[in-house]
């Protein structure tokens, strides 16, 4: 059984993520202890809310440095979900400019409507298109739907954009470099496709 350590910043309801991972066969540990994060074999960073508040919380708990130690020095896999994906960026521009974890190059910006029909926040089911060999989308048909809730997006460097969603002019839905991954949507709320993505992460 694959072990996953969920980082509990106190800013998300992690129960549904934990249940989804357990359904996919993972042995789940939930922690906000930096040393447990440093020694984890595989990390998951969920999150909802505002970028600066989340980074302030991670910094205050000593989790930012612990995450970097685990991912950069020990080369452990990590998956960020929703705000957790955005926190992987260099900087965020929500209310103010805030330094992120700096694990994938790029910055977080507010969504802009590409058509009059689009609404912000982006909420509900939407298509995700594989940009070519995304390991998290193995055995998931390109063009499958996933569940989104967000008002900001991660403008990652081109080589880190593994999948996109066509709305809002086309924005990253999955980013990744090496063993670092992020999903803008909620796989734990995306039924069969989301469970398959989590299973793929357990093999990453």
N, C-alpha and C. Protein backbone atom coordinates (compact mmCIF):
# COMPACT_ATOMS: atom_id res chain seq x y z
N UNK A 1 0.85 -1.19 0.00
CA UNK A 1 0.00 0.00 0.00
C UNK A 1 0.88 1.24 0.00
N UNK A 2 0.56 2.23 -0.84
CA UNK A 2 1.32 3.47 -0.91
C UNK A 2 0.94 4.39 0.25
N UNK A 3 1.94 5.00 0.86
CA UNK A 3 1.70 5.93 1.95
C UNK A 3 1.71 7.36 1.42
N UNK A 4 0.76 8.16 1.87
CA UNK A 4 0.67 9.57 1.50
C UNK A 4 0.52 10.39 2.77
N UNK A 5 1.33 11.42 2.90
CA UNK A 5 1.21 12.35 4.01
C UNK A 5 0.49 13.60 3.54
N UNK A 6 -0.68 13.87 4.10
CA UNK A 6 -1.44 15.06 3.77
C UNK A 6 -1.01 16.18 4.71
N UNK A 7 -0.62 17.31 4.14
CA UNK A 7 -0.17 18.46 4.92
C UNK A 7 -1.40 19.24 5.37
N UNK A 8 -1.58 19.32 6.67
CA UNK A 8 -2.76 19.98 7.25
C UNK A 8 -2.37 21.38 7.71
N UNK A 9 -2.68 22.36 6.88
CA UNK A 9 -2.39 23.75 7.25
C UNK A 9 -3.52 24.37 8.05
N UNK A 10 -4.62 23.64 8.20
CA UNK A 10 -5.77 24.18 8.89
C UNK A 10 -6.65 25.04 8.01
N UNK A 11 -6.37 25.05 6.70
CA UNK A 11 -7.10 25.92 5.78
C UNK A 11 -7.90 25.15 4.74
N UNK A 12 -8.14 23.88 5.00
CA UNK A 12 -8.96 23.11 4.06
C UNK A 12 -9.62 21.96 4.81
N UNK A 13 -10.72 21.50 4.25
CA UNK A 13 -11.38 20.31 4.77
C UNK A 13 -10.74 19.11 4.11
N UNK A 14 -9.88 18.43 4.84
CA UNK A 14 -9.09 17.37 4.22
C UNK A 14 -9.75 16.01 4.31
N UNK A 15 -10.91 15.92 4.95
CA UNK A 15 -11.54 14.62 5.13
C UNK A 15 -11.87 13.96 3.80
N UNK A 16 -12.41 14.73 2.85
CA UNK A 16 -12.80 14.13 1.57
C UNK A 16 -11.57 13.70 0.78
N UNK A 17 -10.48 14.45 0.89
CA UNK A 17 -9.24 14.06 0.22
C UNK A 17 -8.70 12.78 0.83
N UNK A 18 -8.70 12.70 2.15
CA UNK A 18 -8.20 11.50 2.83
C UNK A 18 -9.03 10.28 2.47
N UNK A 19 -10.35 10.44 2.44
CA UNK A 19 -11.22 9.30 2.09
C UNK A 19 -10.98 8.85 0.66
N UNK A 20 -10.79 9.80 -0.25
CA UNK A 20 -10.54 9.45 -1.65
C UNK A 20 -9.23 8.69 -1.79
N UNK A 21 -8.20 9.13 -1.09
CA UNK A 21 -6.91 8.44 -1.15
C UNK A 21 -7.01 7.04 -0.57
N UNK A 22 -7.72 6.90 0.54
CA UNK A 22 -7.90 5.58 1.14
C UNK A 22 -8.67 4.67 0.20
N UNK A 23 -9.67 5.21 -0.48
CA UNK A 23 -10.43 4.44 -1.47
C UNK A 23 -9.50 3.94 -2.58
N UNK A 24 -8.50 4.76 -2.92
CA UNK A 24 -7.55 4.40 -3.98
C UNK A 24 -6.43 3.49 -3.48
N UNK A 25 -6.48 3.11 -2.21
CA UNK A 25 -5.52 2.16 -1.69
C UNK A 25 -4.36 2.75 -0.93
N UNK A 26 -4.44 4.03 -0.57
CA UNK A 26 -3.32 4.67 0.12
C UNK A 26 -3.44 4.52 1.63
N UNK A 27 -2.29 4.47 2.27
CA UNK A 27 -2.19 4.56 3.72
C UNK A 27 -1.95 6.03 4.05
N UNK A 28 -2.93 6.69 4.66
CA UNK A 28 -2.93 8.14 4.79
C UNK A 28 -2.46 8.58 6.18
N UNK A 29 -1.56 9.55 6.19
CA UNK A 29 -1.13 10.23 7.42
C UNK A 29 -1.47 11.70 7.26
N UNK A 30 -2.09 12.29 8.27
CA UNK A 30 -2.42 13.72 8.26
C UNK A 30 -1.57 14.41 9.31
N UNK A 31 -0.86 15.46 8.91
CA UNK A 31 0.06 16.08 9.87
C UNK A 31 0.25 17.57 9.59
N UNK A 32 0.63 18.29 10.64
CA UNK A 32 1.15 19.65 10.49
C UNK A 32 2.51 19.76 11.18
N UNK A 33 3.14 18.61 11.41
CA UNK A 33 4.45 18.55 12.04
C UNK A 33 5.54 18.62 10.98
N UNK A 34 6.42 19.61 11.02
CA UNK A 34 7.44 19.75 9.98
C UNK A 34 8.35 18.53 9.83
N UNK A 35 8.71 17.89 10.92
CA UNK A 35 9.62 16.74 10.82
C UNK A 35 8.94 15.55 10.15
N UNK A 36 7.65 15.39 10.39
CA UNK A 36 6.91 14.33 9.71
C UNK A 36 6.85 14.61 8.22
N UNK A 37 6.69 15.87 7.85
CA UNK A 37 6.69 16.24 6.43
C UNK A 37 8.05 15.97 5.81
N UNK A 38 9.11 16.32 6.50
CA UNK A 38 10.47 16.13 5.96
C UNK A 38 10.78 14.67 5.67
N UNK A 39 10.24 13.77 6.47
CA UNK A 39 10.57 12.35 6.32
C UNK A 39 9.51 11.57 5.55
N UNK A 40 8.49 12.26 5.05
CA UNK A 40 7.41 11.58 4.32
C UNK A 40 7.91 11.05 2.98
N UNK A 41 7.32 9.96 2.57
CA UNK A 41 7.68 9.40 1.27
C UNK A 41 6.94 10.03 0.11
N UNK A 42 5.76 10.58 0.38
CA UNK A 42 4.91 11.17 -0.66
C UNK A 42 4.00 12.18 0.01
N UNK A 43 3.88 13.38 -0.57
CA UNK A 43 3.14 14.47 0.07
C UNK A 43 1.95 14.91 -0.77
N UNK A 44 0.91 15.34 -0.08
CA UNK A 44 -0.23 15.96 -0.75
C UNK A 44 -0.58 17.24 -0.01
N UNK A 45 -0.70 18.33 -0.79
CA UNK A 45 -0.97 19.65 -0.21
C UNK A 45 -2.31 20.16 -0.73
N UNK A 46 -3.38 20.00 0.06
CA UNK A 46 -4.68 20.56 -0.33
C UNK A 46 -4.76 22.01 0.13
N UNK A 47 -5.80 22.70 -0.29
CA UNK A 47 -5.96 24.07 0.19
C UNK A 47 -7.15 24.77 -0.44
N UNK A 48 -7.80 25.59 0.35
CA UNK A 48 -8.84 26.50 -0.14
C UNK A 48 -8.60 27.85 0.53
N UNK A 49 -9.07 28.91 -0.11
CA UNK A 49 -8.91 30.23 0.48
C UNK A 49 -7.94 31.09 -0.29
N UNK A 50 -7.30 32.03 0.40
CA UNK A 50 -6.46 33.04 -0.22
C UNK A 50 -4.98 32.67 -0.14
N UNK A 51 -4.26 32.94 -1.21
CA UNK A 51 -2.84 32.62 -1.32
C UNK A 51 -2.02 33.23 -0.17
N UNK A 52 -2.12 34.54 0.11
CA UNK A 52 -1.27 35.10 1.18
C UNK A 52 -1.57 34.52 2.56
N UNK A 53 -2.82 34.23 2.83
CA UNK A 53 -3.19 33.65 4.12
C UNK A 53 -2.59 32.25 4.25
N UNK A 54 -2.67 31.48 3.17
CA UNK A 54 -2.14 30.12 3.20
C UNK A 54 -0.63 30.12 3.39
N UNK A 55 0.08 30.99 2.66
CA UNK A 55 1.53 31.03 2.81
C UNK A 55 1.94 31.51 4.20
N UNK A 56 1.21 32.47 4.74
CA UNK A 56 1.50 32.92 6.11
C UNK A 56 1.35 31.77 7.09
N UNK A 57 0.32 30.96 6.88
CA UNK A 57 0.08 29.82 7.76
C UNK A 57 1.19 28.77 7.63
N UNK A 58 1.55 28.43 6.39
CA UNK A 58 2.62 27.45 6.18
C UNK A 58 3.93 27.93 6.78
N UNK A 59 4.23 29.21 6.61
CA UNK A 59 5.47 29.76 7.17
C UNK A 59 5.45 29.73 8.69
N UNK A 60 4.31 30.10 9.28
CA UNK A 60 4.21 30.15 10.74
C UNK A 60 4.37 28.78 11.37
N UNK A 61 3.90 27.75 10.68
CA UNK A 61 3.99 26.39 11.20
C UNK A 61 5.32 25.72 10.89
N UNK A 62 6.18 26.40 10.14
CA UNK A 62 7.45 25.80 9.74
C UNK A 62 7.31 24.79 8.62
N UNK A 63 6.16 24.81 7.95
CA UNK A 63 5.89 23.80 6.92
C UNK A 63 6.48 24.16 5.57
N UNK A 64 6.66 25.44 5.28
CA UNK A 64 7.21 25.83 3.98
C UNK A 64 8.61 25.24 3.79
N UNK A 65 9.48 25.45 4.76
CA UNK A 65 10.83 24.91 4.67
C UNK A 65 10.82 23.38 4.69
N UNK A 66 9.92 22.80 5.47
CA UNK A 66 9.84 21.34 5.53
C UNK A 66 9.44 20.76 4.18
N UNK A 67 8.49 21.41 3.51
CA UNK A 67 8.06 20.95 2.19
C UNK A 67 9.22 21.05 1.20
N UNK A 68 9.93 22.17 1.22
CA UNK A 68 11.06 22.35 0.30
C UNK A 68 12.14 21.30 0.57
N UNK A 69 12.41 21.03 1.85
CA UNK A 69 13.42 20.02 2.18
C UNK A 69 13.01 18.66 1.63
N UNK A 70 11.75 18.29 1.81
CA UNK A 70 11.28 16.98 1.35
C UNK A 70 11.30 16.87 -0.17
N UNK A 71 10.88 17.94 -0.84
CA UNK A 71 10.71 17.88 -2.29
C UNK A 71 12.01 18.16 -3.04
N UNK A 72 12.74 19.18 -2.61
CA UNK A 72 13.95 19.58 -3.33
C UNK A 72 15.15 18.73 -2.92
N UNK A 73 15.37 18.58 -1.62
CA UNK A 73 16.55 17.84 -1.16
C UNK A 73 16.35 16.33 -1.23
N UNK A 74 15.20 15.87 -0.74
CA UNK A 74 14.96 14.42 -0.70
C UNK A 74 14.24 13.91 -1.95
N UNK A 75 13.81 14.82 -2.82
CA UNK A 75 13.16 14.47 -4.10
C UNK A 75 11.92 13.61 -3.90
N UNK A 76 11.10 13.97 -2.91
CA UNK A 76 9.85 13.25 -2.68
C UNK A 76 8.76 13.80 -3.59
N UNK A 77 7.85 12.96 -4.07
CA UNK A 77 6.74 13.45 -4.89
C UNK A 77 5.76 14.27 -4.06
N UNK A 78 5.19 15.29 -4.70
CA UNK A 78 4.15 16.09 -4.06
C UNK A 78 3.07 16.41 -5.07
N UNK A 79 1.83 16.43 -4.60
CA UNK A 79 0.68 16.85 -5.41
C UNK A 79 -0.03 17.96 -4.67
N UNK A 80 -0.13 19.13 -5.29
CA UNK A 80 -0.92 20.22 -4.76
C UNK A 80 -2.29 20.25 -5.40
N UNK A 81 -3.33 20.44 -4.62
CA UNK A 81 -4.70 20.45 -5.12
C UNK A 81 -5.32 21.82 -4.90
N UNK A 82 -5.92 22.38 -5.95
CA UNK A 82 -6.61 23.67 -5.93
C UNK A 82 -5.64 24.75 -5.45
N UNK A 83 -5.90 25.40 -4.32
CA UNK A 83 -4.96 26.39 -3.81
C UNK A 83 -3.59 25.75 -3.56
N UNK A 84 -3.58 24.49 -3.18
CA UNK A 84 -2.32 23.79 -2.98
C UNK A 84 -1.46 23.77 -4.22
N UNK A 85 -2.08 23.65 -5.41
CA UNK A 85 -1.33 23.75 -6.66
C UNK A 85 -0.74 25.14 -6.82
N UNK A 86 -1.53 26.16 -6.53
CA UNK A 86 -1.07 27.53 -6.71
C UNK A 86 0.09 27.87 -5.78
N UNK A 87 0.10 27.28 -4.60
CA UNK A 87 1.17 27.54 -3.63
C UNK A 87 2.52 27.01 -4.11
N UNK A 88 2.53 26.14 -5.11
CA UNK A 88 3.78 25.64 -5.67
C UNK A 88 4.52 26.71 -6.45
N UNK A 89 3.85 27.80 -6.80
CA UNK A 89 4.39 28.85 -7.66
C UNK A 89 5.45 29.69 -6.95
N UNK A 90 6.15 30.50 -7.75
CA UNK A 90 7.11 31.45 -7.19
C UNK A 90 6.41 32.55 -6.40
N UNK A 91 5.35 33.11 -6.99
CA UNK A 91 4.64 34.23 -6.36
C UNK A 91 3.15 34.14 -6.65
N UNK A 92 2.37 34.76 -5.78
CA UNK A 92 0.93 34.91 -6.00
C UNK A 92 0.56 36.38 -5.94
N UNK A 93 -0.46 36.76 -6.69
CA UNK A 93 -0.89 38.16 -6.76
C UNK A 93 -2.35 38.30 -6.33
N UNK A 94 -2.70 37.64 -5.25
CA UNK A 94 -4.05 37.73 -4.71
C UNK A 94 -4.05 38.74 -3.56
N UNK A 95 -4.65 39.90 -3.79
CA UNK A 95 -4.68 41.01 -2.83
C UNK A 95 -3.34 41.71 -2.70
N UNK A 96 -2.27 40.96 -2.71
CA UNK A 96 -0.91 41.50 -2.59
C UNK A 96 0.04 40.49 -3.21
N UNK A 97 1.27 40.90 -3.47
CA UNK A 97 2.26 39.97 -4.00
C UNK A 97 2.90 39.21 -2.84
N UNK A 98 2.85 37.88 -2.94
CA UNK A 98 3.31 37.00 -1.86
C UNK A 98 4.21 35.93 -2.44
N UNK A 99 5.32 35.65 -1.79
CA UNK A 99 6.19 34.56 -2.22
C UNK A 99 5.52 33.22 -1.95
N UNK A 100 5.60 32.31 -2.94
CA UNK A 100 5.09 30.97 -2.78
C UNK A 100 6.21 30.00 -2.42
N UNK A 101 5.95 28.72 -2.62
CA UNK A 101 6.94 27.69 -2.29
C UNK A 101 8.07 27.64 -3.30
N UNK A 102 7.85 28.14 -4.51
CA UNK A 102 8.90 28.20 -5.51
C UNK A 102 9.34 26.85 -6.04
N UNK A 103 8.40 25.90 -6.14
CA UNK A 103 8.74 24.56 -6.62
C UNK A 103 8.53 24.41 -8.12
N UNK A 104 7.68 25.25 -8.71
CA UNK A 104 7.48 25.30 -10.16
C UNK A 104 7.46 26.78 -10.55
N UNK A 105 8.21 27.13 -11.59
CA UNK A 105 8.32 28.53 -11.98
C UNK A 105 7.00 29.04 -12.56
N UNK A 106 6.63 30.25 -12.13
CA UNK A 106 5.41 30.88 -12.60
C UNK A 106 4.77 31.67 -11.48
N UNK A 107 3.68 32.35 -11.81
CA UNK A 107 2.98 33.12 -10.79
C UNK A 107 1.48 32.90 -10.89
N UNK A 108 0.78 33.29 -9.83
CA UNK A 108 -0.66 33.06 -9.72
C UNK A 108 -1.38 34.38 -9.97
N UNK A 109 -2.32 34.35 -10.93
CA UNK A 109 -3.02 35.56 -11.37
C UNK A 109 -4.53 35.35 -11.30
N UNK A 110 -5.26 36.44 -11.29
CA UNK A 110 -6.72 36.37 -11.28
C UNK A 110 -7.22 35.95 -12.65
N UNK A 111 -8.23 35.08 -12.66
CA UNK A 111 -8.87 34.69 -13.90
C UNK A 111 -9.49 35.91 -14.58
N UNK A 112 -9.48 35.89 -15.91
CA UNK A 112 -10.16 36.90 -16.71
C UNK A 112 -11.12 36.21 -17.67
N UNK A 113 -12.32 36.76 -17.80
CA UNK A 113 -13.32 36.17 -18.68
C UNK A 113 -12.89 36.33 -20.14
N UNK A 114 -12.98 35.23 -20.89
CA UNK A 114 -12.69 35.27 -22.32
C UNK A 114 -13.96 35.47 -23.14
N UNK A 115 -15.12 35.16 -22.54
CA UNK A 115 -16.42 35.36 -23.19
C UNK A 115 -17.38 35.96 -22.17
N UNK A 116 -18.43 36.65 -22.63
CA UNK A 116 -19.39 37.24 -21.68
C UNK A 116 -20.11 36.21 -20.82
N UNK A 117 -20.18 34.96 -21.32
CA UNK A 117 -20.92 33.93 -20.59
C UNK A 117 -20.14 33.37 -19.41
N UNK A 118 -18.85 33.53 -19.42
CA UNK A 118 -18.04 32.96 -18.34
C UNK A 118 -18.23 33.74 -17.04
N UNK A 119 -18.13 33.02 -15.95
CA UNK A 119 -18.30 33.61 -14.63
C UNK A 119 -17.06 33.36 -13.77
N UNK A 120 -16.81 34.28 -12.86
CA UNK A 120 -15.73 34.12 -11.89
C UNK A 120 -16.35 34.17 -10.50
N UNK A 121 -16.14 33.15 -9.67
CA UNK A 121 -15.20 32.05 -9.84
C UNK A 121 -15.63 31.03 -10.90
N UNK A 122 -14.63 30.33 -11.41
CA UNK A 122 -14.85 29.18 -12.28
C UNK A 122 -15.30 28.03 -11.38
N UNK A 123 -16.55 27.64 -11.52
CA UNK A 123 -17.11 26.64 -10.61
C UNK A 123 -17.91 25.62 -11.40
N UNK A 124 -17.60 24.34 -11.18
CA UNK A 124 -18.35 23.27 -11.82
C UNK A 124 -17.45 22.38 -12.66
N UNK A 125 -18.09 21.53 -13.43
CA UNK A 125 -17.38 20.55 -14.25
C UNK A 125 -16.85 21.20 -15.52
N UNK A 126 -15.62 20.83 -15.89
CA UNK A 126 -15.04 21.34 -17.13
C UNK A 126 -14.04 20.34 -17.68
N UNK A 127 -13.81 20.49 -18.98
CA UNK A 127 -12.94 19.58 -19.72
C UNK A 127 -11.47 19.83 -19.37
N UNK A 128 -10.71 18.75 -19.31
CA UNK A 128 -9.26 18.83 -19.14
C UNK A 128 -8.59 18.13 -20.32
N UNK A 129 -7.72 18.86 -21.01
CA UNK A 129 -7.04 18.35 -22.20
C UNK A 129 -5.57 18.09 -21.90
N UNK A 130 -5.16 16.83 -22.08
CA UNK A 130 -3.76 16.45 -21.91
C UNK A 130 -2.92 17.14 -22.99
N UNK A 131 -1.84 17.79 -22.58
CA UNK A 131 -0.97 18.47 -23.54
C UNK A 131 0.15 17.56 -24.06
N UNK A 132 0.10 16.29 -23.66
CA UNK A 132 1.07 15.35 -24.20
C UNK A 132 1.78 14.52 -23.15
N UNK A 133 1.18 13.38 -22.80
CA UNK A 133 1.85 12.44 -21.92
C UNK A 133 1.86 12.79 -20.45
N UNK A 134 0.83 13.47 -19.96
CA UNK A 134 0.77 13.79 -18.53
C UNK A 134 0.66 12.50 -17.73
N UNK A 135 1.61 12.20 -16.84
CA UNK A 135 1.55 10.93 -16.11
C UNK A 135 0.34 10.82 -15.19
N UNK A 136 -0.20 11.93 -14.72
CA UNK A 136 -1.37 11.87 -13.85
C UNK A 136 -2.64 11.51 -14.62
N UNK A 137 -2.60 11.64 -15.94
CA UNK A 137 -3.79 11.35 -16.76
C UNK A 137 -3.69 10.00 -17.46
N UNK A 138 -2.75 9.17 -17.06
CA UNK A 138 -2.67 7.83 -17.63
C UNK A 138 -3.98 7.08 -17.37
N UNK A 139 -4.54 6.48 -18.42
CA UNK A 139 -5.81 5.75 -18.37
C UNK A 139 -7.01 6.66 -18.12
N UNK A 140 -6.83 7.98 -18.29
CA UNK A 140 -7.94 8.94 -18.26
C UNK A 140 -8.06 9.52 -19.66
N UNK A 141 -9.19 9.34 -20.35
CA UNK A 141 -9.32 9.86 -21.71
C UNK A 141 -9.15 11.37 -21.75
N UNK A 142 -8.36 11.86 -22.71
CA UNK A 142 -8.22 13.30 -22.87
C UNK A 142 -9.57 13.91 -23.19
N UNK A 143 -9.88 15.04 -22.59
CA UNK A 143 -11.19 15.64 -22.75
C UNK A 143 -12.17 15.24 -21.66
N UNK A 144 -11.70 14.49 -20.66
CA UNK A 144 -12.56 14.12 -19.54
C UNK A 144 -12.86 15.34 -18.67
N UNK A 145 -13.95 15.26 -17.93
CA UNK A 145 -14.37 16.37 -17.08
C UNK A 145 -13.89 16.19 -15.64
N UNK A 146 -13.52 17.31 -15.02
CA UNK A 146 -13.14 17.36 -13.62
C UNK A 146 -13.83 18.55 -12.97
N UNK A 147 -13.88 18.55 -11.64
CA UNK A 147 -14.64 19.57 -10.91
C UNK A 147 -13.72 20.69 -10.42
N UNK A 148 -14.03 21.92 -10.85
CA UNK A 148 -13.22 23.11 -10.54
C UNK A 148 -13.96 24.06 -9.60
N UNK A 149 -13.21 24.73 -8.74
CA UNK A 149 -13.70 25.90 -7.98
C UNK A 149 -12.49 26.81 -7.76
N UNK A 150 -12.39 27.90 -8.53
CA UNK A 150 -11.25 28.81 -8.33
C UNK A 150 -11.50 30.14 -9.03
N UNK A 151 -10.84 31.18 -8.50
CA UNK A 151 -10.88 32.52 -9.08
C UNK A 151 -9.52 32.97 -9.59
N UNK A 152 -8.48 32.23 -9.24
CA UNK A 152 -7.12 32.52 -9.67
C UNK A 152 -6.56 31.29 -10.37
N UNK A 153 -5.52 31.51 -11.18
CA UNK A 153 -4.92 30.38 -11.89
C UNK A 153 -3.40 30.50 -11.84
N UNK A 154 -2.74 29.38 -12.04
CA UNK A 154 -1.28 29.30 -12.00
C UNK A 154 -0.75 29.47 -13.42
N UNK A 155 -0.16 30.64 -13.70
CA UNK A 155 0.47 30.89 -15.00
C UNK A 155 1.89 30.33 -14.95
N UNK A 156 1.98 29.02 -15.11
CA UNK A 156 3.27 28.33 -15.02
C UNK A 156 4.03 28.46 -16.33
N UNK A 157 5.35 28.25 -16.26
CA UNK A 157 6.15 28.23 -17.48
C UNK A 157 5.62 27.13 -18.39
N UNK A 158 5.76 27.35 -19.70
CA UNK A 158 5.12 26.48 -20.69
C UNK A 158 5.46 25.01 -20.50
N UNK A 159 6.73 24.73 -20.22
CA UNK A 159 7.14 23.33 -20.12
C UNK A 159 6.55 22.62 -18.91
N UNK A 160 6.01 23.38 -17.96
CA UNK A 160 5.40 22.77 -16.77
C UNK A 160 3.90 22.57 -16.91
N UNK A 161 3.31 23.05 -18.00
CA UNK A 161 1.86 22.90 -18.19
C UNK A 161 1.59 21.55 -18.85
N UNK A 162 1.03 20.63 -18.08
CA UNK A 162 0.80 19.27 -18.56
C UNK A 162 -0.60 19.07 -19.12
N UNK A 163 -1.55 19.88 -18.67
CA UNK A 163 -2.93 19.78 -19.15
C UNK A 163 -3.60 21.13 -18.94
N UNK A 164 -4.58 21.42 -19.79
CA UNK A 164 -5.28 22.71 -19.73
C UNK A 164 -6.78 22.49 -19.74
N UNK A 165 -7.51 23.53 -19.36
CA UNK A 165 -8.96 23.57 -19.54
C UNK A 165 -9.25 24.73 -20.48
N UNK A 166 -10.19 24.57 -21.42
CA UNK A 166 -10.34 25.57 -22.49
C UNK A 166 -10.95 26.89 -22.07
N UNK A 167 -11.62 26.95 -20.95
CA UNK A 167 -12.29 28.18 -20.53
C UNK A 167 -11.28 29.25 -20.13
N UNK A 168 -11.75 30.50 -20.09
CA UNK A 168 -10.94 31.65 -19.67
C UNK A 168 -9.70 31.81 -20.54
N UNK A 169 -9.86 31.49 -21.83
CA UNK A 169 -8.75 31.61 -22.76
C UNK A 169 -7.79 30.45 -22.73
N UNK A 170 -8.10 29.44 -21.93
CA UNK A 170 -7.22 28.28 -21.80
C UNK A 170 -6.23 28.50 -20.67
N UNK A 171 -6.45 27.83 -19.55
CA UNK A 171 -5.57 27.99 -18.39
C UNK A 171 -5.08 26.62 -17.93
N UNK A 172 -3.93 26.58 -17.25
CA UNK A 172 -3.40 25.30 -16.79
C UNK A 172 -4.36 24.60 -15.82
N UNK A 173 -4.58 23.32 -16.07
CA UNK A 173 -5.38 22.49 -15.18
C UNK A 173 -4.49 21.55 -14.37
N UNK A 174 -3.38 21.11 -14.98
CA UNK A 174 -2.38 20.30 -14.30
C UNK A 174 -1.01 20.86 -14.64
N UNK A 175 -0.18 21.04 -13.63
CA UNK A 175 1.21 21.44 -13.85
C UNK A 175 2.12 20.37 -13.26
N UNK A 176 3.34 20.32 -13.75
CA UNK A 176 4.27 19.34 -13.21
C UNK A 176 5.68 19.54 -13.73
N UNK A 177 6.64 19.31 -12.87
CA UNK A 177 8.05 19.27 -13.22
C UNK A 177 8.72 18.25 -12.32
N UNK A 178 9.34 17.25 -12.94
CA UNK A 178 9.94 16.19 -12.14
C UNK A 178 8.89 15.47 -11.33
N UNK A 179 9.09 15.41 -10.02
CA UNK A 179 8.16 14.72 -9.14
C UNK A 179 7.18 15.68 -8.47
N UNK A 180 7.12 16.93 -8.96
CA UNK A 180 6.23 17.96 -8.40
C UNK A 180 5.03 18.13 -9.32
N UNK A 181 3.82 17.96 -8.77
CA UNK A 181 2.59 18.05 -9.57
C UNK A 181 1.57 18.94 -8.88
N UNK A 182 0.70 19.52 -9.68
CA UNK A 182 -0.42 20.28 -9.14
C UNK A 182 -1.64 20.11 -10.01
N UNK A 183 -2.81 20.03 -9.39
CA UNK A 183 -4.10 19.95 -10.09
C UNK A 183 -4.96 21.11 -9.63
N UNK A 184 -5.42 21.94 -10.59
CA UNK A 184 -6.26 23.07 -10.21
C UNK A 184 -7.64 22.63 -9.77
N UNK A 185 -8.12 21.54 -10.32
CA UNK A 185 -9.44 21.00 -9.98
C UNK A 185 -9.34 20.13 -8.72
N UNK A 186 -10.48 19.62 -8.30
CA UNK A 186 -10.54 18.75 -7.11
C UNK A 186 -10.70 17.30 -7.56
N UNK A 187 -9.63 16.51 -7.58
CA UNK A 187 -9.78 15.10 -7.97
C UNK A 187 -10.69 14.32 -7.03
N UNK A 188 -10.68 14.69 -5.75
CA UNK A 188 -11.51 13.96 -4.78
C UNK A 188 -13.00 14.19 -5.01
N UNK A 189 -13.36 15.21 -5.79
CA UNK A 189 -14.76 15.48 -6.12
C UNK A 189 -15.09 15.13 -7.57
N UNK A 190 -14.13 14.54 -8.27
CA UNK A 190 -14.26 14.31 -9.71
C UNK A 190 -14.55 12.86 -10.07
N UNK A 191 -15.04 12.10 -9.11
CA UNK A 191 -15.54 10.75 -9.35
C UNK A 191 -14.47 9.86 -9.99
N UNK A 192 -14.85 9.04 -10.96
CA UNK A 192 -13.94 8.03 -11.51
C UNK A 192 -12.65 8.62 -12.05
N UNK A 193 -12.76 9.71 -12.80
CA UNK A 193 -11.56 10.32 -13.36
C UNK A 193 -10.63 10.85 -12.27
N UNK A 194 -11.19 11.44 -11.25
CA UNK A 194 -10.38 11.94 -10.15
C UNK A 194 -9.69 10.84 -9.38
N UNK A 195 -10.40 9.74 -9.17
CA UNK A 195 -9.79 8.61 -8.46
C UNK A 195 -8.64 8.02 -9.28
N UNK A 196 -8.81 7.96 -10.60
CA UNK A 196 -7.73 7.44 -11.44
C UNK A 196 -6.51 8.35 -11.36
N UNK A 197 -6.73 9.66 -11.34
CA UNK A 197 -5.61 10.60 -11.21
C UNK A 197 -4.87 10.35 -9.89
N UNK A 198 -5.61 10.18 -8.81
CA UNK A 198 -4.96 9.93 -7.51
C UNK A 198 -4.19 8.61 -7.53
N UNK A 199 -4.76 7.59 -8.17
CA UNK A 199 -4.05 6.31 -8.29
C UNK A 199 -2.74 6.49 -9.06
N UNK A 200 -2.79 7.32 -10.11
CA UNK A 200 -1.57 7.58 -10.87
C UNK A 200 -0.53 8.31 -10.03
N UNK A 201 -0.98 9.23 -9.19
CA UNK A 201 -0.03 9.92 -8.31
C UNK A 201 0.61 8.95 -7.33
N UNK A 202 -0.14 7.97 -6.87
CA UNK A 202 0.41 6.98 -5.94
C UNK A 202 1.52 6.16 -6.58
N UNK A 203 1.57 6.16 -7.91
CA UNK A 203 2.63 5.43 -8.63
C UNK A 203 3.75 6.35 -9.08
N UNK A 204 3.58 7.67 -8.90
CA UNK A 204 4.56 8.64 -9.43
C UNK A 204 5.89 8.55 -8.68
